[in-house]
């Protein structure tokens, strides 16, 4: 069993364009057999975290970070008990497009009934 080292207080990740971003780890958790982390950008808003998928190194620390797939993102949100904020009723799709509210189905007018004719009197 590998010895676990203490997780760094700040993590610097480099994006695809070569730009470095510094994060503070807030939470590490598992969904099934996959590792996820909630990281807060040092330069970002206080109440916003980013979810990353990561692999574990032999030293017991996170090794590589990547963006989760939409399905992984939904599973991570569910594990955290957090809903989607995109107002699309998807409960964590990660898709920030707002879907149009569902229109209420129009009620069909009841078929008009012919007025009942008075019964003819028999003589």
N, C-alpha and C. Protein backbone atom coordinates (compact mmCIF):
# COMPACT_ATOMS: atom_id res chain seq x y z
N UNK A 1 0.84 -1.18 0.00
CA UNK A 1 0.00 0.00 0.00
C UNK A 1 0.88 1.24 0.00
N UNK A 2 0.61 2.15 -0.93
CA UNK A 2 1.41 3.36 -1.04
C UNK A 2 1.09 4.31 0.11
N UNK A 3 2.11 5.02 0.57
CA UNK A 3 1.89 6.00 1.62
C UNK A 3 1.19 7.20 1.01
N UNK A 4 0.25 7.70 1.74
CA UNK A 4 -0.48 8.87 1.27
C UNK A 4 0.24 10.12 1.73
N UNK A 5 0.55 10.98 0.77
CA UNK A 5 1.15 12.26 1.11
C UNK A 5 0.04 13.28 1.30
N UNK A 6 0.36 14.37 1.95
CA UNK A 6 -0.62 15.43 2.18
C UNK A 6 -0.89 16.15 0.86
N UNK A 7 -2.17 16.37 0.58
CA UNK A 7 -2.58 17.07 -0.63
C UNK A 7 -2.15 18.53 -0.53
N UNK A 8 -1.62 19.05 -1.63
CA UNK A 8 -1.17 20.44 -1.65
C UNK A 8 -2.35 21.38 -1.42
N UNK A 9 -2.07 22.53 -0.81
CA UNK A 9 -3.12 23.50 -0.56
C UNK A 9 -3.57 24.18 -1.84
N UNK A 10 -2.69 24.27 -2.82
CA UNK A 10 -3.03 24.84 -4.12
C UNK A 10 -2.54 23.91 -5.22
N UNK A 11 -3.32 23.80 -6.27
CA UNK A 11 -2.98 22.96 -7.42
C UNK A 11 -2.97 23.85 -8.65
N UNK A 12 -1.91 23.77 -9.45
CA UNK A 12 -1.84 24.53 -10.69
C UNK A 12 -2.01 23.58 -11.86
N UNK A 13 -3.00 23.87 -12.70
CA UNK A 13 -3.28 23.06 -13.88
C UNK A 13 -3.07 23.92 -15.12
N UNK A 14 -2.59 23.30 -16.19
CA UNK A 14 -2.37 24.00 -17.45
C UNK A 14 -3.42 23.52 -18.45
N UNK A 15 -4.14 24.47 -19.06
CA UNK A 15 -5.19 24.10 -20.01
C UNK A 15 -4.58 23.83 -21.40
N UNK A 16 -5.45 23.50 -22.36
CA UNK A 16 -5.01 23.13 -23.71
C UNK A 16 -4.29 24.28 -24.42
N UNK A 17 -4.55 25.51 -24.03
CA UNK A 17 -3.89 26.68 -24.65
C UNK A 17 -2.59 27.04 -23.96
N UNK A 18 -2.23 26.29 -22.92
CA UNK A 18 -0.98 26.55 -22.20
C UNK A 18 -1.12 27.57 -21.08
N UNK A 19 -2.34 27.96 -20.75
CA UNK A 19 -2.59 28.93 -19.69
C UNK A 19 -2.69 28.19 -18.35
N UNK A 20 -1.98 28.69 -17.35
CA UNK A 20 -2.01 28.07 -16.02
C UNK A 20 -3.15 28.64 -15.19
N UNK A 21 -3.82 27.74 -14.45
CA UNK A 21 -4.91 28.12 -13.56
C UNK A 21 -4.61 27.50 -12.19
N UNK A 22 -4.79 28.29 -11.14
CA UNK A 22 -4.52 27.81 -9.79
C UNK A 22 -5.83 27.58 -9.06
N UNK A 23 -5.92 26.41 -8.42
CA UNK A 23 -7.13 26.00 -7.73
C UNK A 23 -6.82 25.59 -6.30
N UNK A 24 -7.84 25.73 -5.47
CA UNK A 24 -7.78 25.21 -4.10
C UNK A 24 -8.70 23.99 -4.06
N UNK A 25 -8.19 22.82 -3.66
CA UNK A 25 -9.06 21.63 -3.57
C UNK A 25 -10.07 21.79 -2.44
N UNK A 26 -11.34 21.55 -2.77
CA UNK A 26 -12.39 21.62 -1.76
C UNK A 26 -12.83 20.24 -1.31
N UNK A 27 -12.93 19.32 -2.28
CA UNK A 27 -13.40 17.98 -1.94
C UNK A 27 -12.94 16.98 -2.99
N UNK A 28 -12.53 15.81 -2.51
CA UNK A 28 -12.20 14.68 -3.37
C UNK A 28 -13.21 13.58 -3.05
N UNK A 29 -13.75 12.93 -4.10
CA UNK A 29 -14.76 11.90 -3.85
C UNK A 29 -14.78 10.89 -4.99
N UNK A 30 -15.41 9.77 -4.73
CA UNK A 30 -15.54 8.69 -5.71
C UNK A 30 -16.98 8.58 -6.19
N UNK A 31 -17.12 8.27 -7.47
CA UNK A 31 -18.41 7.89 -8.03
C UNK A 31 -18.13 6.57 -8.73
N UNK A 32 -18.61 5.49 -8.14
CA UNK A 32 -18.24 4.17 -8.64
C UNK A 32 -16.75 3.96 -8.41
N UNK A 33 -16.00 3.74 -9.49
CA UNK A 33 -14.55 3.56 -9.38
C UNK A 33 -13.78 4.77 -9.89
N UNK A 34 -14.48 5.86 -10.20
CA UNK A 34 -13.83 7.05 -10.75
C UNK A 34 -13.66 8.11 -9.68
N UNK A 35 -12.50 8.78 -9.73
CA UNK A 35 -12.16 9.83 -8.79
C UNK A 35 -12.57 11.19 -9.34
N UNK A 36 -13.14 12.02 -8.47
CA UNK A 36 -13.52 13.37 -8.86
C UNK A 36 -13.05 14.34 -7.79
N UNK A 37 -12.86 15.59 -8.21
CA UNK A 37 -12.45 16.64 -7.30
C UNK A 37 -13.28 17.89 -7.56
N UNK A 38 -13.62 18.58 -6.48
CA UNK A 38 -14.22 19.90 -6.60
C UNK A 38 -13.10 20.87 -6.27
N UNK A 39 -12.75 21.70 -7.25
CA UNK A 39 -11.68 22.67 -7.09
C UNK A 39 -12.25 24.07 -7.24
N UNK A 40 -11.77 25.00 -6.43
CA UNK A 40 -12.19 26.40 -6.50
C UNK A 40 -11.05 27.20 -7.07
N UNK A 41 -11.34 27.96 -8.11
CA UNK A 41 -10.32 28.81 -8.72
C UNK A 41 -9.91 29.90 -7.73
N UNK A 42 -8.62 30.12 -7.60
CA UNK A 42 -8.12 31.15 -6.70
C UNK A 42 -8.57 32.53 -7.20
N UNK A 43 -8.69 32.69 -8.51
CA UNK A 43 -9.08 33.97 -9.10
C UNK A 43 -10.58 34.10 -9.32
N UNK A 44 -11.33 33.04 -9.07
CA UNK A 44 -12.75 33.04 -9.38
C UNK A 44 -13.62 33.46 -8.20
N UNK A 45 -14.94 33.44 -8.43
CA UNK A 45 -15.88 33.78 -7.35
C UNK A 45 -15.79 32.80 -6.18
N UNK A 46 -16.15 33.30 -5.02
CA UNK A 46 -16.05 32.50 -3.79
C UNK A 46 -16.94 31.27 -3.79
N UNK A 47 -18.11 31.39 -4.39
CA UNK A 47 -19.10 30.32 -4.28
C UNK A 47 -19.18 29.41 -5.50
N UNK A 48 -18.14 29.40 -6.34
CA UNK A 48 -18.16 28.58 -7.55
C UNK A 48 -17.03 27.56 -7.49
N UNK A 49 -17.38 26.31 -7.71
CA UNK A 49 -16.39 25.24 -7.76
C UNK A 49 -16.44 24.59 -9.14
N UNK A 50 -15.38 23.92 -9.51
CA UNK A 50 -15.30 23.22 -10.78
C UNK A 50 -15.07 21.74 -10.50
N UNK A 51 -15.77 20.89 -11.21
CA UNK A 51 -15.61 19.44 -11.03
C UNK A 51 -14.65 18.91 -12.08
N UNK A 52 -13.63 18.19 -11.63
CA UNK A 52 -12.67 17.53 -12.51
C UNK A 52 -12.65 16.04 -12.19
N UNK A 53 -12.37 15.23 -13.20
CA UNK A 53 -12.09 13.81 -13.00
C UNK A 53 -10.57 13.72 -12.88
N UNK A 54 -10.08 12.82 -12.02
CA UNK A 54 -8.62 12.69 -11.90
C UNK A 54 -8.22 11.24 -11.71
N UNK A 55 -6.96 10.98 -12.02
CA UNK A 55 -6.38 9.66 -11.76
C UNK A 55 -5.45 9.78 -10.57
N UNK A 56 -5.30 8.68 -9.87
CA UNK A 56 -4.48 8.66 -8.67
C UNK A 56 -3.09 8.13 -9.00
N UNK A 57 -2.08 8.82 -8.51
CA UNK A 57 -0.70 8.37 -8.71
C UNK A 57 -0.32 7.30 -7.70
N UNK A 58 0.84 6.70 -7.90
CA UNK A 58 1.31 5.65 -6.96
C UNK A 58 1.55 6.18 -5.56
N UNK A 59 1.79 7.48 -5.46
CA UNK A 59 2.03 8.08 -4.15
C UNK A 59 0.74 8.38 -3.39
N UNK A 60 -0.41 8.03 -4.00
CA UNK A 60 -1.68 8.24 -3.33
C UNK A 60 -2.23 9.65 -3.49
N UNK A 61 -1.65 10.42 -4.40
CA UNK A 61 -2.12 11.78 -4.65
C UNK A 61 -2.69 11.88 -6.06
N UNK A 62 -3.57 12.85 -6.30
CA UNK A 62 -4.08 13.04 -7.66
C UNK A 62 -2.94 13.28 -8.64
N UNK A 63 -3.02 12.62 -9.80
CA UNK A 63 -1.94 12.71 -10.77
C UNK A 63 -2.32 13.56 -11.97
N UNK A 64 -3.35 13.16 -12.71
CA UNK A 64 -3.78 13.92 -13.87
C UNK A 64 -5.24 14.31 -13.71
N UNK A 65 -5.57 15.51 -14.17
CA UNK A 65 -6.93 16.02 -14.10
C UNK A 65 -7.47 16.18 -15.51
N UNK A 66 -8.78 15.96 -15.66
CA UNK A 66 -9.44 16.12 -16.96
C UNK A 66 -10.88 16.53 -16.73
N UNK A 67 -11.47 17.11 -17.76
CA UNK A 67 -12.89 17.44 -17.69
C UNK A 67 -13.70 16.15 -17.74
N UNK A 68 -14.73 16.05 -16.92
CA UNK A 68 -15.58 14.85 -16.98
C UNK A 68 -16.48 14.89 -18.22
N UNK A 69 -16.90 13.72 -18.66
CA UNK A 69 -17.88 13.65 -19.74
C UNK A 69 -19.21 14.17 -19.18
N UNK A 70 -20.17 14.50 -20.03
CA UNK A 70 -21.47 14.95 -19.50
C UNK A 70 -22.11 13.92 -18.56
N UNK A 71 -21.98 12.64 -18.87
CA UNK A 71 -22.56 11.61 -18.00
C UNK A 71 -21.82 11.56 -16.66
N UNK A 72 -20.49 11.68 -16.70
CA UNK A 72 -19.71 11.68 -15.45
C UNK A 72 -20.05 12.91 -14.62
N UNK A 73 -20.22 14.05 -15.30
CA UNK A 73 -20.56 15.29 -14.61
C UNK A 73 -21.90 15.15 -13.88
N UNK A 74 -22.89 14.57 -14.57
CA UNK A 74 -24.20 14.36 -13.95
C UNK A 74 -24.09 13.44 -12.74
N UNK A 75 -23.30 12.37 -12.88
CA UNK A 75 -23.12 11.42 -11.77
C UNK A 75 -22.43 12.10 -10.59
N UNK A 76 -21.45 12.96 -10.88
CA UNK A 76 -20.74 13.68 -9.81
C UNK A 76 -21.68 14.64 -9.10
N UNK A 77 -22.49 15.37 -9.85
CA UNK A 77 -23.45 16.28 -9.22
C UNK A 77 -24.43 15.51 -8.34
N UNK A 78 -24.87 14.37 -8.83
CA UNK A 78 -25.81 13.55 -8.05
C UNK A 78 -25.15 13.09 -6.75
N UNK A 79 -23.90 12.67 -6.85
CA UNK A 79 -23.16 12.23 -5.66
C UNK A 79 -23.02 13.36 -4.64
N UNK A 80 -22.81 14.58 -5.15
CA UNK A 80 -22.67 15.74 -4.27
C UNK A 80 -24.00 16.26 -3.76
N UNK A 81 -25.09 15.80 -4.39
CA UNK A 81 -26.40 16.28 -4.00
C UNK A 81 -26.68 17.69 -4.49
N UNK A 82 -26.07 18.04 -5.62
CA UNK A 82 -26.22 19.37 -6.19
C UNK A 82 -27.02 19.28 -7.47
N UNK A 83 -27.92 20.22 -7.68
CA UNK A 83 -28.71 20.24 -8.90
C UNK A 83 -28.10 21.18 -9.92
N UNK A 84 -28.65 21.14 -11.08
CA UNK A 84 -28.19 21.97 -12.18
C UNK A 84 -28.69 23.40 -11.99
N UNK A 85 -27.90 24.38 -12.36
CA UNK A 85 -28.30 25.77 -12.24
C UNK A 85 -28.69 26.37 -13.58
N UNK A 86 -28.80 25.57 -14.60
CA UNK A 86 -29.08 26.12 -15.93
C UNK A 86 -30.57 26.27 -16.19
N UNK A 87 -31.39 25.98 -15.23
CA UNK A 87 -32.84 26.16 -15.31
C UNK A 87 -33.48 25.35 -16.43
N UNK A 88 -32.92 24.23 -16.76
CA UNK A 88 -33.51 23.43 -17.83
C UNK A 88 -34.17 22.16 -17.30
N UNK A 89 -34.29 22.03 -16.01
CA UNK A 89 -34.92 20.87 -15.38
C UNK A 89 -34.19 19.57 -15.68
N UNK A 90 -32.90 19.64 -15.92
CA UNK A 90 -32.16 18.43 -16.27
C UNK A 90 -31.48 17.84 -15.04
N UNK A 91 -31.41 18.58 -13.97
CA UNK A 91 -30.80 18.14 -12.72
C UNK A 91 -29.34 17.76 -12.89
N UNK A 92 -28.61 18.60 -13.61
CA UNK A 92 -27.16 18.40 -13.68
C UNK A 92 -26.61 17.96 -14.99
N UNK A 93 -27.11 18.49 -16.06
CA UNK A 93 -26.61 18.06 -17.37
C UNK A 93 -25.33 18.77 -17.75
N UNK A 94 -25.07 19.92 -17.15
CA UNK A 94 -23.90 20.68 -17.54
C UNK A 94 -24.17 21.51 -18.78
N UNK A 95 -25.31 21.34 -19.39
CA UNK A 95 -25.67 22.09 -20.58
C UNK A 95 -26.32 23.39 -20.13
N UNK A 96 -25.71 24.52 -20.43
CA UNK A 96 -26.22 25.78 -19.93
C UNK A 96 -27.24 26.42 -20.84
N UNK A 97 -27.68 25.70 -21.86
CA UNK A 97 -28.75 26.22 -22.72
C UNK A 97 -30.04 26.12 -21.94
N UNK A 98 -30.79 27.17 -21.99
CA UNK A 98 -32.09 27.15 -21.31
C UNK A 98 -33.11 26.58 -22.27
N UNK A 99 -33.79 25.57 -21.85
CA UNK A 99 -34.83 24.99 -22.66
C UNK A 99 -36.11 25.80 -22.46
N UNK A 100 -36.86 25.91 -23.49
CA UNK A 100 -38.12 26.63 -23.40
C UNK A 100 -39.04 25.91 -22.44
N UNK A 101 -39.76 26.66 -21.63
CA UNK A 101 -40.69 26.00 -20.71
C UNK A 101 -41.73 25.22 -21.50
N UNK A 102 -42.10 24.10 -20.94
CA UNK A 102 -43.09 23.27 -21.61
C UNK A 102 -44.44 23.98 -21.58
N UNK A 103 -45.03 24.07 -22.74
CA UNK A 103 -46.34 24.71 -22.84
C UNK A 103 -47.40 23.74 -22.33
N UNK A 104 -48.35 24.30 -21.66
CA UNK A 104 -49.45 23.46 -21.18
C UNK A 104 -50.28 23.04 -22.39
N UNK A 105 -50.66 21.79 -22.44
CA UNK A 105 -51.46 21.38 -23.58
C UNK A 105 -52.80 22.11 -23.58
N UNK A 106 -53.21 22.53 -24.77
CA UNK A 106 -54.49 23.22 -24.87
C UNK A 106 -55.60 22.21 -24.68
N UNK A 107 -56.58 22.62 -23.93
CA UNK A 107 -57.72 21.74 -23.72
C UNK A 107 -58.62 21.80 -24.95
N UNK A 108 -59.03 20.66 -25.34
CA UNK A 108 -59.97 20.61 -26.46
C UNK A 108 -61.35 20.95 -25.92
N UNK A 109 -62.04 21.73 -26.69
CA UNK A 109 -63.40 22.09 -26.28
C UNK A 109 -64.26 20.85 -26.33
N UNK A 110 -65.12 20.74 -25.36
CA UNK A 110 -66.03 19.60 -25.32
C UNK A 110 -66.94 19.68 -26.53
N UNK A 111 -67.21 18.55 -27.13
CA UNK A 111 -68.10 18.61 -28.30
C UNK A 111 -69.46 19.15 -27.89
N UNK A 112 -69.98 19.99 -28.77
CA UNK A 112 -71.28 20.58 -28.46
C UNK A 112 -72.35 19.52 -28.61
N UNK A 113 -73.18 19.47 -27.61
CA UNK A 113 -74.28 18.50 -27.64
C UNK A 113 -75.51 19.20 -28.18
N UNK A 114 -76.24 18.48 -28.94
CA UNK A 114 -77.48 19.04 -29.44
C UNK A 114 -78.46 19.09 -28.28
N UNK A 115 -79.23 20.13 -28.29
CA UNK A 115 -80.22 20.27 -27.24
C UNK A 115 -81.22 19.13 -27.34
N UNK A 116 -81.58 18.61 -26.22
CA UNK A 116 -82.55 17.51 -26.21
C UNK A 116 -83.91 18.05 -26.61
N UNK A 117 -84.56 17.34 -27.48
CA UNK A 117 -85.91 17.73 -27.90
C UNK A 117 -86.90 17.19 -26.88
N UNK A 118 -87.86 18.00 -26.62
CA UNK A 118 -88.86 17.47 -25.68
C UNK A 118 -89.56 16.25 -26.29
N UNK A 119 -89.86 15.33 -25.46
CA UNK A 119 -90.52 14.11 -25.93
C UNK A 119 -91.90 14.45 -26.47
N UNK A 120 -92.23 13.83 -27.55
CA UNK A 120 -93.54 14.05 -28.14
C UNK A 120 -94.57 13.30 -27.31
N UNK A 121 -95.67 13.93 -27.11
CA UNK A 121 -96.73 13.30 -26.34
C UNK A 121 -97.51 12.41 -27.29
N UNK A 122 -97.81 11.26 -26.82
CA UNK A 122 -98.63 10.34 -27.61
C UNK A 122 -100.09 10.63 -27.33
N UNK A 123 -100.81 10.58 -28.27
CA UNK A 123 -102.23 10.83 -28.11
C UNK A 123 -103.02 9.61 -28.04
